Amino acid sequence: MWIDRIVSWLRSQSIDRIKGRVKFFNRKKGYGFIQADRMDKDIFVHVTSLEDEVRKGDRVAFYIQKNDKGLEAKEVKLVKS
């Protein structure tokens, strides 16, 4: 499955956190999506995984975790552009 290949590839990299840009975030609903650098798939992010307040267009760093619905961003924090 493509998710397993992505997670495997990410684990093989010497990257502490993945970087990307917030594509969408709805505060009322408590979720959004991040477009990770060098990946074609958007990554789900839940408000409980945010270390900083984010909005559309923000640059962020995060870890990726696989769940039953796909990939999810964890420990999301803002980074300087």
C-alpha atoms as a PDB file:
ATOM      1  CA  MET A   1       0.000   0.000   0.000  1.00  0.00           C
ATOM      2  CA  TRP A   2       1.272   3.506  -0.792  1.00  0.00           C
ATOM      3  CA  ILE A   3       0.949   4.650   2.833  1.00  0.00           C
ATOM      4  CA  ASP A   4       3.287   1.910   4.016  1.00  0.00           C
ATOM      5  CA  ARG A   5       5.840   2.872   1.356  1.00  0.00           C
ATOM      6  CA  ILE A   6       5.717   6.537   2.377  1.00  0.00           C
ATOM      7  CA  VAL A   7       6.063   5.764   6.091  1.00  0.00           C
ATOM      8  CA  SER A   8       8.919   3.358   5.354  1.00  0.00           C
ATOM      9  CA  TRP A   9      10.688   5.961   3.209  1.00  0.00           C
ATOM     10  CA  LEU A  10      10.263   8.642   5.866  1.00  0.00           C
ATOM     11  CA  ARG A  11      11.723   6.365   8.534  1.00  0.00           C
ATOM     12  CA  SER A  12      14.746   5.717   6.319  1.00  0.00           C
ATOM     13  CA  GLN A  13      15.508   9.434   6.088  1.00  0.00           C
ATOM     14  CA  SER A  14      17.609  11.220   8.687  1.00  0.00           C
ATOM     15  CA  ILE A  15      14.938  13.874   9.085  1.00  0.00           C
ATOM     16  CA  ASP A  16      13.720  14.802  12.542  1.00  0.00           C
ATOM     17  CA  ARG A  17      10.580  16.503  11.325  1.00  0.00           C
ATOM     18  CA  ILE A  18       8.933  16.808   7.941  1.00  0.00           C
ATOM     19  CA  LYS A  19       8.291  20.333   6.695  1.00  0.00           C
ATOM     20  CA  GLY A  20       5.349  21.615   4.728  1.00  0.00           C
ATOM     21  CA  ARG A  21       2.701  24.286   4.345  1.00  0.00           C
ATOM     22  CA  VAL A  22      -0.790  24.394   5.864  1.00  0.00           C
ATOM     23  CA  LYS A  23      -3.142  23.966   2.931  1.00  0.00           C
ATOM     24  CA  PHE A  24      -6.373  24.327   4.917  1.00  0.00           C
ATOM     25  CA  PHE A  25      -7.342  24.555   8.583  1.00  0.00           C
ATOM     26  CA  ASN A  26     -10.847  24.981  10.022  1.00  0.00           C
ATOM     27  CA  ARG A  27     -10.725  26.094  13.657  1.00  0.00           C
ATOM     28  CA  LYS A  28     -14.433  25.467  14.254  1.00  0.00           C
ATOM     29  CA  LYS A  29     -14.187  21.854  13.096  1.00  0.00           C
ATOM     30  CA  GLY A  30     -10.714  21.361  14.574  1.00  0.00           C
ATOM     31  CA  TYR A  31      -8.929  19.861  11.603  1.00  0.00           C
ATOM     32  CA  GLY A  32      -7.120  20.647   8.379  1.00  0.00           C
ATOM     33  CA  PHE A  33      -4.533  19.430   5.883  1.00  0.00           C
ATOM     34  CA  ILE A  34      -0.836  20.020   5.297  1.00  0.00           C
ATOM     35  CA  GLN A  35       0.964  19.747   1.962  1.00  0.00           C
ATOM     36  CA  ALA A  36       4.295  18.199   2.902  1.00  0.00           C
ATOM     37  CA  ASP A  37       7.405  19.161   0.964  1.00  0.00           C
ATOM     38  CA  ARG A  38       8.293  16.515  -1.650  1.00  0.00           C
ATOM     39  CA  MET A  39       5.042  14.562  -1.222  1.00  0.00           C
ATOM     40  CA  ASP A  40       1.972  14.463  -3.451  1.00  0.00           C
ATOM     41  CA  LYS A  41      -0.539  13.535  -0.752  1.00  0.00           C
ATOM     42  CA  ASP A  42      -2.072  15.950   1.735  1.00  0.00           C
ATOM     43  CA  ILE A  43      -1.638  15.023   5.385  1.00  0.00           C
ATOM     44  CA  PHE A  44      -4.489  15.293   7.866  1.00  0.00           C
ATOM     45  CA  VAL A  45      -3.915  17.359  11.019  1.00  0.00           C
ATOM     46  CA  HIS A  46      -6.156  17.533  14.087  1.00  0.00           C
ATOM     47  CA  VAL A  47      -6.205  20.474  16.491  1.00  0.00           C
ATOM     48  CA  THR A  48      -4.945  18.198  19.299  1.00  0.00           C
ATOM     49  CA  SER A  49      -1.683  17.707  17.359  1.00  0.00           C
ATOM     50  CA  LEU A  50      -0.865  21.416  17.165  1.00  0.00           C
ATOM     51  CA  GLU A  51       1.916  22.883  19.288  1.00  0.00           C
ATOM     52  CA  ASP A  52       1.311  26.346  17.796  1.00  0.00           C
ATOM     53  CA  GLU A  53      -1.765  28.023  16.363  1.00  0.00           C
ATOM     54  CA  VAL A  54      -1.738  27.630  12.569  1.00  0.00           C
ATOM     55  CA  ARG A  55      -3.597  29.061   9.600  1.00  0.00           C
ATOM     56  CA  LYS A  56      -3.624  28.586   5.847  1.00  0.00           C
ATOM     57  CA  GLY A  57      -0.222  29.248   4.276  1.00  0.00           C
ATOM     58  CA  ASP A  58       1.867  28.801   7.457  1.00  0.00           C
ATOM     59  CA  ARG A  59       5.122  26.840   7.199  1.00  0.00           C
ATOM     60  CA  VAL A  60       5.191  24.001   9.706  1.00  0.00           C
ATOM     61  CA  ALA A  61       7.343  21.089  10.852  1.00  0.00           C
ATOM     62  CA  PHE A  62       5.791  17.831  12.058  1.00  0.00           C
ATOM     63  CA  TYR A  63       6.063  14.085  12.441  1.00  0.00           C
ATOM     64  CA  ILE A  64       3.937  11.716  10.380  1.00  0.00           C
ATOM     65  CA  GLN A  65       1.980   8.875  11.907  1.00  0.00           C
ATOM     66  CA  LYS A  66      -0.041   6.247  10.081  1.00  0.00           C
ATOM     67  CA  ASN A  67      -3.577   5.642  11.332  1.00  0.00           C
ATOM     68  CA  ASP A  68      -6.524   3.610  10.058  1.00  0.00           C
ATOM     69  CA  LYS A  69      -7.602   6.428   7.707  1.00  0.00           C
ATOM     70  CA  GLY A  70      -4.186   7.361   6.283  1.00  0.00           C
ATOM     71  CA  LEU A  71      -1.396   9.690   7.314  1.00  0.00           C
ATOM     72  CA  GLU A  72      -1.716  12.171  10.169  1.00  0.00           C
ATOM     73  CA  ALA A  73       0.576  15.010  11.214  1.00  0.00           C
ATOM     74  CA  LYS A  74       1.671  15.002  14.862  1.00  0.00           C
ATOM     75  CA  GLU A  75       3.470  17.587  17.022  1.00  0.00           C
ATOM     76  CA  VAL A  76       2.908  20.323  14.451  1.00  0.00           C
ATOM     77  CA  LYS A  77       4.798  23.544  15.078  1.00  0.00           C
ATOM     78  CA  LEU A  78       5.449  26.741  13.129  1.00  0.00           C
ATOM     79  CA  VAL A  79       8.788  27.251  11.413  1.00  0.00           C
ATOM     80  CA  LYS A  80      10.299  30.332   9.816  1.00  0.00           C
ATOM     81  CA  SER A  81       9.918  30.479   6.041  1.00  0.00           C
END
